[in-house]
Amino acid sequence: MDTATGLGRLIGPLRRAVLLRTRRSAELPDLPEAQIELLRALSDAGALPPREVATRLRVAPSTVSNLVRAMTAAGLVERKPSSTDLRTVTLVASPHALDLLSRYDRVSAEALRRALAALPPDSRQAIDEALPALTELIEALEEQHG
């Protein structure tokens, strides 16, 4: 199996394993990964219009609309009307959502630390050394899309 195929097959299961371990460890709600990514975008930016969220997440505006509908009902996202144009809104993560996201990040980092500590030193070193290359890979993939 070539590197691209192997990496592609590992990404999803790795992310799901981290999310599962995180949810179980901290008894966190079962937020879909798409909702976590939307919250992360709002957390990083503070507030964004829905179209900008769609652009950042590289999804259709209708996908953001569906996510926001569910997340607003769950008290995770707030829609704030623009002070200059009442036809537009910005999205902000609720304080509750920011707390959940902080807990997800803290607990998942700890779960990864424990799992990494259980690996042989050579494997830990290989993962550590791969991080810059994985960052470059993300950038290369984003350049292909943009």
N, C-alpha and C. Protein backbone atom coordinates (compact mmCIF):
# COMPACT_ATOMS: atom_id res chain seq x y z
N MET A 1 0.86 -1.17 0.00
CA MET A 1 0.00 0.00 0.00
C MET A 1 0.91 1.24 0.00
N ASP A 2 0.57 2.21 -0.84
CA ASP A 2 1.38 3.42 -0.88
C ASP A 2 1.03 4.36 0.27
N THR A 3 1.86 5.38 0.48
CA THR A 3 1.70 6.30 1.60
C THR A 3 0.36 7.03 1.57
N ALA A 4 -0.04 7.50 0.39
CA ALA A 4 -1.29 8.24 0.28
C ALA A 4 -2.48 7.38 0.69
N THR A 5 -2.51 6.16 0.22
CA THR A 5 -3.60 5.25 0.57
C THR A 5 -3.59 4.93 2.05
N GLY A 6 -2.42 4.62 2.57
CA GLY A 6 -2.31 4.29 3.99
C GLY A 6 -2.72 5.45 4.89
N LEU A 7 -2.24 6.65 4.55
CA LEU A 7 -2.60 7.82 5.35
C LEU A 7 -4.09 8.10 5.26
N GLY A 8 -4.64 8.01 4.07
CA GLY A 8 -6.07 8.23 3.89
C GLY A 8 -6.91 7.27 4.71
N ARG A 9 -6.45 6.03 4.80
CA ARG A 9 -7.19 5.03 5.57
C ARG A 9 -7.05 5.23 7.08
N LEU A 10 -5.99 5.91 7.52
CA LEU A 10 -5.76 6.10 8.95
C LEU A 10 -6.42 7.35 9.52
N ILE A 11 -6.60 8.37 8.72
CA ILE A 11 -7.07 9.66 9.23
C ILE A 11 -8.43 9.54 9.91
N GLY A 12 -9.39 8.98 9.24
CA GLY A 12 -10.74 8.85 9.82
C GLY A 12 -10.75 8.03 11.10
N PRO A 13 -10.19 6.81 11.08
CA PRO A 13 -10.19 6.02 12.30
C PRO A 13 -9.42 6.68 13.46
N LEU A 14 -8.33 7.40 13.15
CA LEU A 14 -7.58 8.09 14.20
C LEU A 14 -8.45 9.17 14.84
N ARG A 15 -9.10 9.97 14.01
CA ARG A 15 -9.95 11.05 14.53
C ARG A 15 -11.11 10.47 15.35
N ARG A 16 -11.74 9.41 14.83
CA ARG A 16 -12.85 8.79 15.57
C ARG A 16 -12.38 8.21 16.90
N ALA A 17 -11.20 7.59 16.92
CA ALA A 17 -10.67 7.01 18.16
C ALA A 17 -10.42 8.10 19.19
N VAL A 18 -9.87 9.24 18.75
CA VAL A 18 -9.62 10.34 19.68
C VAL A 18 -10.95 10.88 20.21
N LEU A 19 -11.93 11.09 19.33
CA LEU A 19 -13.23 11.60 19.77
C LEU A 19 -13.92 10.64 20.73
N LEU A 20 -13.88 9.36 20.42
CA LEU A 20 -14.52 8.36 21.28
C LEU A 20 -13.88 8.34 22.66
N ARG A 21 -12.55 8.31 22.70
CA ARG A 21 -11.84 8.30 23.98
C ARG A 21 -12.14 9.58 24.76
N THR A 22 -12.19 10.70 24.07
CA THR A 22 -12.45 11.99 24.71
C THR A 22 -13.85 12.01 25.31
N ARG A 23 -14.83 11.61 24.54
CA ARG A 23 -16.22 11.62 25.02
C ARG A 23 -16.39 10.70 26.23
N ARG A 24 -15.79 9.53 26.17
CA ARG A 24 -15.92 8.58 27.26
C ARG A 24 -15.20 9.07 28.52
N SER A 25 -14.02 9.65 28.35
CA SER A 25 -13.22 10.08 29.49
C SER A 25 -13.87 11.21 30.27
N ALA A 26 -14.52 12.11 29.58
CA ALA A 26 -15.07 13.30 30.26
C ALA A 26 -16.59 13.35 30.24
N GLU A 27 -17.21 12.24 29.80
CA GLU A 27 -18.67 12.20 29.70
C GLU A 27 -19.20 13.43 28.96
N LEU A 28 -18.56 13.72 27.84
CA LEU A 28 -18.96 14.84 27.00
C LEU A 28 -20.05 14.40 26.03
N PRO A 29 -20.87 15.34 25.58
CA PRO A 29 -21.93 14.97 24.63
C PRO A 29 -21.34 14.50 23.30
N ASP A 30 -22.11 13.73 22.60
CA ASP A 30 -21.70 13.16 21.33
C ASP A 30 -21.91 14.18 20.21
N LEU A 31 -21.08 15.22 20.20
CA LEU A 31 -21.19 16.22 19.14
C LEU A 31 -20.57 15.65 17.87
N PRO A 32 -21.27 15.78 16.74
CA PRO A 32 -20.66 15.35 15.48
C PRO A 32 -19.41 16.17 15.18
N GLU A 33 -18.49 15.57 14.48
CA GLU A 33 -17.23 16.25 14.16
C GLU A 33 -17.48 17.56 13.41
N ALA A 34 -18.49 17.60 12.55
CA ALA A 34 -18.78 18.83 11.81
C ALA A 34 -19.16 19.97 12.77
N GLN A 35 -19.89 19.65 13.82
CA GLN A 35 -20.25 20.68 14.80
C GLN A 35 -19.02 21.14 15.58
N ILE A 36 -18.14 20.23 15.91
CA ILE A 36 -16.92 20.60 16.61
C ILE A 36 -16.08 21.52 15.73
N GLU A 37 -15.98 21.21 14.45
CA GLU A 37 -15.19 22.05 13.55
C GLU A 37 -15.82 23.43 13.38
N LEU A 38 -17.13 23.51 13.34
CA LEU A 38 -17.81 24.81 13.26
C LEU A 38 -17.54 25.60 14.53
N LEU A 39 -17.64 24.96 15.68
CA LEU A 39 -17.35 25.64 16.94
C LEU A 39 -15.90 26.11 16.99
N ARG A 40 -15.00 25.30 16.48
CA ARG A 40 -13.59 25.68 16.46
C ARG A 40 -13.38 26.93 15.60
N ALA A 41 -14.04 26.99 14.46
CA ALA A 41 -13.93 28.17 13.60
C ALA A 41 -14.46 29.41 14.31
N LEU A 42 -15.59 29.27 14.97
CA LEU A 42 -16.16 30.42 15.69
C LEU A 42 -15.30 30.79 16.89
N SER A 43 -14.75 29.82 17.56
CA SER A 43 -13.89 30.09 18.71
C SER A 43 -12.64 30.86 18.27
N ASP A 44 -12.07 30.46 17.15
CA ASP A 44 -10.87 31.12 16.64
C ASP A 44 -11.14 32.54 16.18
N ALA A 45 -12.29 32.74 15.53
CA ALA A 45 -12.60 34.05 14.93
C ALA A 45 -13.40 34.97 15.85
N GLY A 46 -14.13 34.40 16.78
CA GLY A 46 -15.01 35.20 17.64
C GLY A 46 -16.42 35.27 17.10
N ALA A 47 -16.56 35.73 15.88
CA ALA A 47 -17.87 35.81 15.23
C ALA A 47 -17.63 35.80 13.72
N LEU A 48 -18.50 35.10 13.01
CA LEU A 48 -18.37 35.01 11.56
C LEU A 48 -19.74 34.99 10.91
N PRO A 49 -19.85 35.57 9.72
CA PRO A 49 -21.08 35.37 8.95
C PRO A 49 -21.14 33.93 8.43
N PRO A 50 -22.33 33.41 8.23
CA PRO A 50 -22.45 32.02 7.77
C PRO A 50 -21.65 31.70 6.51
N ARG A 51 -21.61 32.61 5.56
CA ARG A 51 -20.85 32.35 4.32
C ARG A 51 -19.36 32.18 4.60
N GLU A 52 -18.84 32.96 5.53
CA GLU A 52 -17.42 32.84 5.89
C GLU A 52 -17.16 31.50 6.58
N VAL A 53 -18.09 31.05 7.40
CA VAL A 53 -17.96 29.73 8.03
C VAL A 53 -17.90 28.66 6.95
N ALA A 54 -18.79 28.75 5.97
CA ALA A 54 -18.81 27.78 4.87
C ALA A 54 -17.47 27.78 4.13
N THR A 55 -16.93 28.96 3.88
CA THR A 55 -15.65 29.06 3.18
C THR A 55 -14.54 28.44 4.01
N ARG A 56 -14.49 28.77 5.28
CA ARG A 56 -13.42 28.23 6.14
C ARG A 56 -13.50 26.72 6.30
N LEU A 57 -14.71 26.20 6.37
CA LEU A 57 -14.88 24.75 6.54
C LEU A 57 -14.89 24.01 5.22
N ARG A 58 -14.91 24.78 4.13
CA ARG A 58 -14.95 24.20 2.78
C ARG A 58 -16.18 23.30 2.59
N VAL A 59 -17.34 23.85 3.00
CA VAL A 59 -18.61 23.15 2.83
C VAL A 59 -19.60 24.10 2.17
N ALA A 60 -20.70 23.56 1.72
CA ALA A 60 -21.75 24.37 1.09
C ALA A 60 -22.45 25.22 2.15
N PRO A 61 -22.91 26.41 1.77
CA PRO A 61 -23.67 27.24 2.70
C PRO A 61 -24.88 26.52 3.29
N SER A 62 -25.51 25.66 2.50
CA SER A 62 -26.66 24.92 3.03
C SER A 62 -26.25 23.97 4.15
N THR A 63 -25.04 23.43 4.08
CA THR A 63 -24.54 22.57 5.15
C THR A 63 -24.39 23.37 6.44
N VAL A 64 -23.83 24.58 6.32
CA VAL A 64 -23.69 25.45 7.49
C VAL A 64 -25.06 25.79 8.04
N SER A 65 -26.00 26.09 7.17
CA SER A 65 -27.35 26.42 7.60
C SER A 65 -27.96 25.28 8.41
N ASN A 66 -27.82 24.05 7.94
CA ASN A 66 -28.34 22.89 8.66
C ASN A 66 -27.64 22.70 10.00
N LEU A 67 -26.32 22.86 10.01
CA LEU A 67 -25.58 22.74 11.26
C LEU A 67 -26.02 23.80 12.26
N VAL A 68 -26.12 25.03 11.79
CA VAL A 68 -26.49 26.14 12.67
C VAL A 68 -27.89 25.95 13.23
N ARG A 69 -28.79 25.45 12.42
CA ARG A 69 -30.16 25.21 12.90
C ARG A 69 -30.14 24.25 14.09
N ALA A 70 -29.43 23.14 13.93
CA ALA A 70 -29.36 22.15 15.01
C ALA A 70 -28.59 22.69 16.21
N MET A 71 -27.53 23.41 15.95
CA MET A 71 -26.69 23.91 17.04
C MET A 71 -27.34 25.07 17.79
N THR A 72 -28.15 25.85 17.11
CA THR A 72 -28.89 26.92 17.77
C THR A 72 -29.93 26.30 18.71
N ALA A 73 -30.61 25.27 18.22
CA ALA A 73 -31.61 24.59 19.05
C ALA A 73 -30.97 23.96 20.29
N ALA A 74 -29.71 23.53 20.16
CA ALA A 74 -29.01 22.90 21.28
C ALA A 74 -28.30 23.92 22.18
N GLY A 75 -28.42 25.19 21.85
CA GLY A 75 -27.79 26.23 22.66
C GLY A 75 -26.29 26.35 22.47
N LEU A 76 -25.79 25.89 21.31
CA LEU A 76 -24.35 25.93 21.05
C LEU A 76 -23.92 27.14 20.22
N VAL A 77 -24.82 27.63 19.39
CA VAL A 77 -24.52 28.76 18.51
C VAL A 77 -25.59 29.80 18.67
N GLU A 78 -25.16 31.04 18.65
CA GLU A 78 -26.09 32.16 18.71
C GLU A 78 -25.99 32.95 17.41
N ARG A 79 -27.14 33.37 16.92
CA ARG A 79 -27.21 34.20 15.71
C ARG A 79 -27.39 35.65 16.16
N LYS A 80 -26.42 36.49 15.80
CA LYS A 80 -26.46 37.90 16.19
C LYS A 80 -26.73 38.75 14.95
N PRO A 81 -27.82 39.55 14.98
CA PRO A 81 -28.10 40.41 13.83
C PRO A 81 -27.00 41.48 13.69
N SER A 82 -26.71 41.81 12.45
CA SER A 82 -25.73 42.86 12.17
C SER A 82 -26.28 44.20 12.63
N SER A 83 -25.42 45.03 13.16
CA SER A 83 -25.85 46.36 13.60
C SER A 83 -26.02 47.30 12.42
N THR A 84 -25.46 46.95 11.27
CA THR A 84 -25.54 47.83 10.09
C THR A 84 -26.50 47.32 9.02
N ASP A 85 -26.76 46.01 8.99
CA ASP A 85 -27.64 45.44 7.97
C ASP A 85 -28.48 44.35 8.62
N LEU A 86 -29.72 44.64 8.91
CA LEU A 86 -30.58 43.71 9.64
C LEU A 86 -30.90 42.44 8.86
N ARG A 87 -30.53 42.39 7.59
CA ARG A 87 -30.75 41.17 6.79
C ARG A 87 -29.65 40.14 7.01
N THR A 88 -28.55 40.57 7.62
CA THR A 88 -27.43 39.65 7.81
C THR A 88 -27.22 39.34 9.29
N VAL A 89 -26.61 38.20 9.54
CA VAL A 89 -26.30 37.80 10.90
C VAL A 89 -24.84 37.36 10.98
N THR A 90 -24.32 37.37 12.17
CA THR A 90 -23.05 36.71 12.44
C THR A 90 -23.33 35.60 13.43
N LEU A 91 -22.49 34.61 13.38
CA LEU A 91 -22.62 33.46 14.26
C LEU A 91 -21.55 33.54 15.34
N VAL A 92 -21.94 33.23 16.56
CA VAL A 92 -20.99 33.16 17.66
C VAL A 92 -21.26 31.88 18.45
N ALA A 93 -20.19 31.33 18.97
CA ALA A 93 -20.34 30.16 19.83
C ALA A 93 -20.84 30.63 21.19
N SER A 94 -21.78 29.91 21.76
CA SER A 94 -22.31 30.27 23.07
C SER A 94 -21.24 30.00 24.13
N PRO A 95 -21.37 30.62 25.29
CA PRO A 95 -20.43 30.32 26.38
C PRO A 95 -20.41 28.82 26.72
N HIS A 96 -21.58 28.19 26.69
CA HIS A 96 -21.65 26.74 26.95
C HIS A 96 -20.83 25.97 25.91
N ALA A 97 -20.96 26.35 24.63
CA ALA A 97 -20.22 25.67 23.56
C ALA A 97 -18.72 25.88 23.72
N LEU A 98 -18.30 27.08 24.08
CA LEU A 98 -16.88 27.35 24.27
C LEU A 98 -16.32 26.52 25.42
N ASP A 99 -17.13 26.34 26.46
CA ASP A 99 -16.71 25.49 27.57
C ASP A 99 -16.57 24.04 27.12
N LEU A 100 -17.55 23.55 26.35
CA LEU A 100 -17.47 22.18 25.83
C LEU A 100 -16.23 22.00 24.96
N LEU A 101 -15.98 22.96 24.07
CA LEU A 101 -14.83 22.87 23.17
C LEU A 101 -13.53 22.86 23.97
N SER A 102 -13.45 23.68 24.98
CA SER A 102 -12.26 23.70 25.83
C SER A 102 -12.07 22.35 26.52
N ARG A 103 -13.15 21.78 27.00
CA ARG A 103 -13.07 20.47 27.65
C ARG A 103 -12.67 19.39 26.64
N TYR A 104 -13.26 19.41 25.43
CA TYR A 104 -12.88 18.45 24.39
C TYR A 104 -11.38 18.54 24.13
N ASP A 105 -10.88 19.77 23.95
CA ASP A 105 -9.47 19.95 23.64
C ASP A 105 -8.57 19.47 24.76
N ARG A 106 -8.92 19.82 25.99
CA ARG A 106 -8.10 19.44 27.14
C ARG A 106 -8.08 17.92 27.32
N VAL A 107 -9.25 17.30 27.25
CA VAL A 107 -9.35 15.86 27.47
C VAL A 107 -8.73 15.08 26.31
N SER A 108 -8.93 15.55 25.08
CA SER A 108 -8.35 14.82 23.94
C SER A 108 -6.83 14.93 23.96
N ALA A 109 -6.29 16.10 24.34
CA ALA A 109 -4.84 16.23 24.43
C ALA A 109 -4.29 15.28 25.48
N GLU A 110 -4.97 15.16 26.60
CA GLU A 110 -4.51 14.25 27.65
C GLU A 110 -4.61 12.79 27.19
N ALA A 111 -5.69 12.44 26.49
CA ALA A 111 -5.83 11.07 25.98
C ALA A 111 -4.71 10.76 24.99
N LEU A 112 -4.38 11.72 24.14
CA LEU A 112 -3.29 11.51 23.18
C LEU A 112 -1.95 11.40 23.90
N ARG A 113 -1.74 12.22 24.92
CA ARG A 113 -0.48 12.13 25.69
C ARG A 113 -0.31 10.73 26.30
N ARG A 114 -1.40 10.21 26.89
CA ARG A 114 -1.33 8.87 27.50
C ARG A 114 -1.06 7.81 26.43
N ALA A 115 -1.74 7.91 25.30
CA ALA A 115 -1.55 6.92 24.24
C ALA A 115 -0.14 7.00 23.67
N LEU A 116 0.36 8.22 23.48
CA LEU A 116 1.72 8.38 22.98
C LEU A 116 2.75 7.82 23.97
N ALA A 117 2.49 8.04 25.25
CA ALA A 117 3.42 7.54 26.28
C ALA A 117 3.47 6.01 26.29
N ALA A 118 2.41 5.37 25.83
CA ALA A 118 2.38 3.90 25.81
C ALA A 118 3.11 3.32 24.60
N LEU A 119 3.47 4.16 23.65
CA LEU A 119 4.17 3.69 22.46
C LEU A 119 5.67 3.55 22.73
N PRO A 120 6.32 2.72 21.94
CA PRO A 120 7.79 2.64 22.06
C PRO A 120 8.41 4.00 21.71
N PRO A 121 9.55 4.32 22.29
CA PRO A 121 10.19 5.61 22.04
C PRO A 121 10.40 5.93 20.56
N ASP A 122 10.76 4.93 19.75
CA ASP A 122 10.98 5.18 18.31
C ASP A 122 9.68 5.62 17.63
N SER A 123 8.57 5.04 18.03
CA SER A 123 7.28 5.41 17.44
C SER A 123 6.90 6.83 17.85
N ARG A 124 7.10 7.16 19.13
CA ARG A 124 6.81 8.53 19.59
C ARG A 124 7.66 9.54 18.83
N GLN A 125 8.93 9.22 18.64
CA GLN A 125 9.83 10.13 17.94
C GLN A 125 9.40 10.28 16.47
N ALA A 126 8.99 9.19 15.85
CA ALA A 126 8.56 9.26 14.45
C ALA A 126 7.33 10.15 14.31
N ILE A 127 6.39 10.04 15.24
CA ILE A 127 5.18 10.88 15.21
C ILE A 127 5.56 12.34 15.43
N ASP A 128 6.43 12.58 16.41
CA ASP A 128 6.87 13.94 16.69
C ASP A 128 7.54 14.57 15.47
N GLU A 129 8.39 13.81 14.81
CA GLU A 129 9.10 14.32 13.64
C GLU A 129 8.18 14.48 12.43
N ALA A 130 7.07 13.76 12.40
CA ALA A 130 6.13 13.85 11.27
C ALA A 130 5.22 15.06 11.36
N LEU A 131 5.05 15.65 12.53
CA LEU A 131 4.10 16.76 12.69
C LEU A 131 4.34 17.93 11.73
N PRO A 132 5.57 18.42 11.57
CA PRO A 132 5.75 19.51 10.60
C PRO A 132 5.37 19.11 9.17
N ALA A 133 5.69 17.88 8.79
CA ALA A 133 5.35 17.41 7.44
C ALA A 133 3.84 17.30 7.28
N LEU A 134 3.14 16.88 8.32
CA LEU A 134 1.68 16.79 8.24
C LEU A 134 1.06 18.18 8.11
N THR A 135 1.63 19.15 8.78
CA THR A 135 1.17 20.53 8.63
C THR A 135 1.37 21.00 7.18
N GLU A 136 2.52 20.69 6.61
CA GLU A 136 2.77 21.03 5.20
C GLU A 136 1.79 20.31 4.28
N LEU A 137 1.45 19.08 4.61
CA LEU A 137 0.49 18.32 3.81
C LEU A 137 -0.89 19.00 3.82
N ILE A 138 -1.32 19.45 4.98
CA ILE A 138 -2.59 20.17 5.06
C ILE A 138 -2.54 21.40 4.16
N GLU A 139 -1.47 22.16 4.24
CA GLU A 139 -1.33 23.37 3.43
C GLU A 139 -1.34 23.03 1.94
N ALA A 140 -0.67 21.96 1.55
CA ALA A 140 -0.67 21.55 0.15
C ALA A 140 -2.06 21.16 -0.32
N LEU A 141 -2.79 20.46 0.52
CA LEU A 141 -4.16 20.07 0.16
C LEU A 141 -5.05 21.29 0.05
N GLU A 142 -4.88 22.25 0.95
CA GLU A 142 -5.69 23.47 0.90
C GLU A 142 -5.36 24.30 -0.34
N GLU A 143 -4.09 24.32 -0.76
CA GLU A 143 -3.71 25.05 -1.96
C GLU A 143 -4.34 24.41 -3.20
N GLN A 144 -4.42 23.08 -3.22
CA GLN A 144 -5.06 22.39 -4.35
C GLN A 144 -6.52 22.77 -4.47
N HIS A 145 -7.16 22.95 -3.32
CA HIS A 145 -8.61 23.26 -3.30
C HIS A 145 -8.86 24.71 -3.68
N GLY A 146 -8.02 25.61 -3.20
CA GLY A 146 -8.23 27.05 -3.37
C GLY A 146 -7.85 27.52 -4.71
